[in-house]
């Protein structure tokens, strides 16, 4: 598995991730997953 987790074209990869982020950042609908609420509650204990 060594070397198989390398992203060969980092520039292209980061461009795609940036495009996805840009297309999603204005979405305000939906709810926070209960999983994250449970994590928050555990971290406050």
N, C-alpha and C. Protein backbone atom coordinates (compact mmCIF):
# COMPACT_ATOMS: atom_id res chain seq x y z
N UNK A 1 0.82 -1.19 0.00
CA UNK A 1 0.00 0.00 0.00
C UNK A 1 0.87 1.26 0.00
N UNK A 2 2.12 1.10 0.19
CA UNK A 2 3.02 2.24 0.26
C UNK A 2 3.00 3.04 -1.04
N UNK A 3 2.76 4.32 -0.94
CA UNK A 3 2.73 5.19 -2.11
C UNK A 3 1.39 5.25 -2.82
N UNK A 4 0.42 4.44 -2.39
CA UNK A 4 -0.88 4.42 -3.05
C UNK A 4 -1.80 5.52 -2.53
N UNK A 5 -1.43 6.16 -1.46
CA UNK A 5 -2.28 7.21 -0.90
C UNK A 5 -1.81 8.60 -1.32
N UNK A 6 -0.85 8.64 -2.19
CA UNK A 6 -0.31 9.91 -2.68
C UNK A 6 -1.23 10.47 -3.76
N UNK A 7 -1.49 11.76 -3.69
CA UNK A 7 -2.28 12.43 -4.74
C UNK A 7 -1.29 12.92 -5.78
N UNK A 8 -1.30 12.30 -6.97
CA UNK A 8 -0.27 12.60 -7.97
C UNK A 8 -0.30 14.03 -8.50
N UNK A 9 -1.47 14.63 -8.62
CA UNK A 9 -1.56 15.99 -9.15
C UNK A 9 -2.27 16.86 -8.11
N UNK A 10 -1.48 17.32 -7.14
CA UNK A 10 -2.05 18.07 -6.02
C UNK A 10 -2.78 19.33 -6.48
N UNK A 11 -2.25 20.00 -7.45
CA UNK A 11 -2.86 21.24 -7.94
C UNK A 11 -4.26 20.98 -8.49
N UNK A 12 -4.41 19.97 -9.32
CA UNK A 12 -5.73 19.63 -9.88
C UNK A 12 -6.68 19.20 -8.77
N UNK A 13 -6.18 18.39 -7.83
CA UNK A 13 -6.99 17.93 -6.71
C UNK A 13 -7.50 19.10 -5.88
N UNK A 14 -6.61 20.02 -5.54
CA UNK A 14 -7.02 21.15 -4.70
C UNK A 14 -7.98 22.08 -5.45
N UNK A 15 -7.85 22.17 -6.76
CA UNK A 15 -8.79 22.95 -7.55
C UNK A 15 -10.19 22.35 -7.49
N UNK A 16 -10.27 21.03 -7.62
CA UNK A 16 -11.57 20.34 -7.54
C UNK A 16 -12.18 20.53 -6.16
N UNK A 17 -11.40 20.35 -5.11
CA UNK A 17 -11.90 20.53 -3.74
C UNK A 17 -12.37 21.96 -3.54
N UNK A 18 -11.63 22.92 -4.05
CA UNK A 18 -12.03 24.33 -3.95
C UNK A 18 -13.33 24.59 -4.68
N UNK A 19 -13.49 24.00 -5.85
CA UNK A 19 -14.74 24.15 -6.61
C UNK A 19 -15.93 23.57 -5.85
N UNK A 20 -15.72 22.40 -5.25
CA UNK A 20 -16.79 21.78 -4.45
C UNK A 20 -17.16 22.68 -3.28
N UNK A 21 -16.16 23.20 -2.59
CA UNK A 21 -16.40 24.09 -1.46
C UNK A 21 -17.19 25.32 -1.90
N UNK A 22 -16.76 25.94 -2.97
CA UNK A 22 -17.44 27.14 -3.47
C UNK A 22 -18.90 26.86 -3.81
N UNK A 23 -19.16 25.70 -4.41
CA UNK A 23 -20.53 25.39 -4.81
C UNK A 23 -21.42 25.05 -3.61
N UNK A 24 -20.82 24.69 -2.49
CA UNK A 24 -21.61 24.28 -1.32
C UNK A 24 -21.70 25.34 -0.23
N UNK A 25 -20.86 26.34 -0.24
CA UNK A 25 -20.78 27.25 0.90
C UNK A 25 -22.03 28.08 1.13
N UNK A 26 -22.85 28.27 0.13
CA UNK A 26 -24.07 29.06 0.31
C UNK A 26 -25.27 28.22 0.74
N UNK A 27 -25.10 26.92 0.87
CA UNK A 27 -26.20 26.05 1.31
C UNK A 27 -26.42 26.26 2.80
N UNK A 28 -27.63 26.65 3.17
CA UNK A 28 -27.94 26.91 4.58
C UNK A 28 -29.03 25.98 5.11
N UNK A 29 -29.48 25.07 4.27
CA UNK A 29 -30.53 24.14 4.68
C UNK A 29 -29.91 22.93 5.35
N UNK A 30 -30.73 22.21 6.10
CA UNK A 30 -30.27 20.96 6.69
C UNK A 30 -30.05 21.09 8.18
N UNK A 31 -29.63 20.01 8.77
CA UNK A 31 -29.41 19.94 10.21
C UNK A 31 -28.03 19.36 10.49
N UNK A 32 -27.50 19.71 11.64
CA UNK A 32 -26.24 19.14 12.07
C UNK A 32 -26.49 17.70 12.48
N UNK A 33 -25.63 16.81 12.08
CA UNK A 33 -25.77 15.39 12.41
C UNK A 33 -25.76 15.20 13.93
N UNK A 34 -26.55 14.27 14.40
CA UNK A 34 -26.56 13.95 15.83
C UNK A 34 -25.20 13.46 16.29
N UNK A 35 -24.45 12.85 15.41
CA UNK A 35 -23.12 12.37 15.75
C UNK A 35 -22.25 13.52 16.26
N UNK A 36 -22.31 14.66 15.61
CA UNK A 36 -21.49 15.79 16.02
C UNK A 36 -21.98 16.38 17.33
N UNK A 37 -23.28 16.37 17.56
CA UNK A 37 -23.81 16.84 18.83
C UNK A 37 -23.33 15.95 19.96
N UNK A 38 -23.29 14.64 19.73
CA UNK A 38 -22.80 13.71 20.76
C UNK A 38 -21.33 13.95 21.04
N UNK A 39 -20.55 14.20 20.01
CA UNK A 39 -19.13 14.50 20.21
C UNK A 39 -18.95 15.76 21.04
N UNK A 40 -19.73 16.78 20.76
CA UNK A 40 -19.65 18.03 21.50
C UNK A 40 -19.99 17.80 22.97
N UNK A 41 -21.04 17.03 23.23
CA UNK A 41 -21.45 16.75 24.60
C UNK A 41 -20.35 15.98 25.34
N UNK A 42 -19.72 15.01 24.68
CA UNK A 42 -18.64 14.23 25.31
C UNK A 42 -17.44 15.11 25.61
N UNK A 43 -17.14 16.05 24.72
CA UNK A 43 -15.95 16.89 24.92
C UNK A 43 -16.14 17.88 26.06
N UNK A 44 -17.37 18.15 26.44
CA UNK A 44 -17.64 19.09 27.54
C UNK A 44 -17.62 18.42 28.90
N UNK A 45 -17.58 17.09 28.94
CA UNK A 45 -17.59 16.36 30.22
C UNK A 45 -16.26 16.41 30.91
